[in-house]
């Protein structure tokens, strides 16, 4: 007799409301479209764009926190 199958979800299952099989299907389609050779470059570009987006968002937040200096006209 075979042991029971463990049907606990994968830790990644639930990203964007997708299950494990949907994520596997999407990854398979991406592999077919881009091929194994181009995936590292694609992932690197995606990572750099996310990094730049986070940097821009962080810089934008820090700009809002700084009060603008009061300009004096020099005349009393």
Protein backbone atom coordinates (compact mmCIF):
# COMPACT_ATOMS: atom_id res chain seq x y z
CA UNK A 1 0.00 0.00 0.00
CA UNK A 2 1.28 3.50 -0.90
CA UNK A 3 1.66 6.26 1.70
CA UNK A 4 -0.87 9.12 1.51
CA UNK A 5 -0.01 12.04 -0.75
CA UNK A 6 0.83 15.30 0.99
CA UNK A 7 -1.49 17.96 -0.48
CA UNK A 8 -0.24 20.96 1.49
CA UNK A 9 0.14 24.04 -0.70
CA UNK A 10 3.52 25.31 -1.78
CA UNK A 11 4.81 28.41 0.01
CA UNK A 12 4.59 30.35 -3.26
CA UNK A 13 1.04 29.23 -3.95
CA UNK A 14 -1.16 32.20 -3.31
CA UNK A 15 0.98 34.84 -4.97
CA UNK A 16 -1.46 37.13 -6.77
CA UNK A 17 -4.22 34.63 -6.01
CA UNK A 18 -2.61 31.95 -8.19
CA UNK A 19 -2.24 28.35 -7.17
CA UNK A 20 0.81 26.16 -7.58
CA UNK A 21 -0.28 24.64 -10.90
CA UNK A 22 -1.01 28.05 -12.39
CA UNK A 23 2.46 29.29 -11.43
CA UNK A 24 4.06 26.20 -12.95
CA UNK A 25 2.08 26.72 -16.17
CA UNK A 26 3.12 30.39 -16.37
CA UNK A 27 6.78 29.48 -15.80
CA UNK A 28 6.58 26.80 -18.51
CA UNK A 29 5.12 29.30 -20.99
CA UNK A 30 7.87 31.81 -20.15
CA UNK A 31 10.50 29.10 -20.72
CA UNK A 32 8.98 28.31 -24.12
CA UNK A 33 8.78 31.96 -25.17
CA UNK A 34 12.19 33.17 -24.05
CA UNK A 35 14.27 30.00 -23.82
CA UNK A 36 16.72 29.06 -21.13
CA UNK A 37 19.55 31.23 -22.45
CA UNK A 38 17.65 34.52 -22.23
CA UNK A 39 16.04 33.99 -18.83
CA UNK A 40 19.03 35.15 -16.73
CA UNK A 41 19.23 38.41 -18.68
CA UNK A 42 15.46 38.86 -18.41
CA UNK A 43 15.56 38.26 -14.64
CA UNK A 44 18.50 40.66 -14.26
CA UNK A 45 16.68 43.41 -16.14
CA UNK A 46 13.54 42.85 -14.07
CA UNK A 47 15.56 42.98 -10.85
CA UNK A 48 17.29 46.21 -11.89
CA UNK A 49 14.00 47.86 -12.80
CA UNK A 50 12.47 46.90 -9.45
CA UNK A 51 15.57 48.24 -7.69
CA UNK A 52 15.33 51.56 -9.57
CA UNK A 53 11.61 51.82 -8.82
CA UNK A 54 12.20 51.29 -5.10
CA UNK A 55 15.04 53.82 -5.14
CA UNK A 56 12.85 56.42 -6.87
CA UNK A 57 9.98 55.78 -4.45
CA UNK A 58 12.33 56.11 -1.48
CA UNK A 59 13.83 59.34 -2.86
CA UNK A 60 10.34 60.72 -3.49
CA UNK A 61 9.31 59.97 0.11
CA UNK A 62 12.44 61.63 1.50
CA UNK A 63 11.76 64.76 -0.59
CA UNK A 64 8.30 65.11 0.94
CA UNK A 65 9.64 64.93 4.50
CA UNK A 66 12.13 67.77 4.08
CA UNK A 67 10.66 71.19 4.80
CA UNK A 68 11.37 73.83 2.22
CA UNK A 69 13.74 76.56 3.43
CA UNK A 70 12.21 79.97 3.94
CA UNK A 71 13.64 82.49 1.51
CA UNK A 72 14.34 85.95 2.86
CA UNK A 73 14.26 88.90 0.50
CA UNK A 74 17.07 90.62 2.36
CA UNK A 75 14.99 93.77 2.93
CA UNK A 76 13.87 94.58 6.46
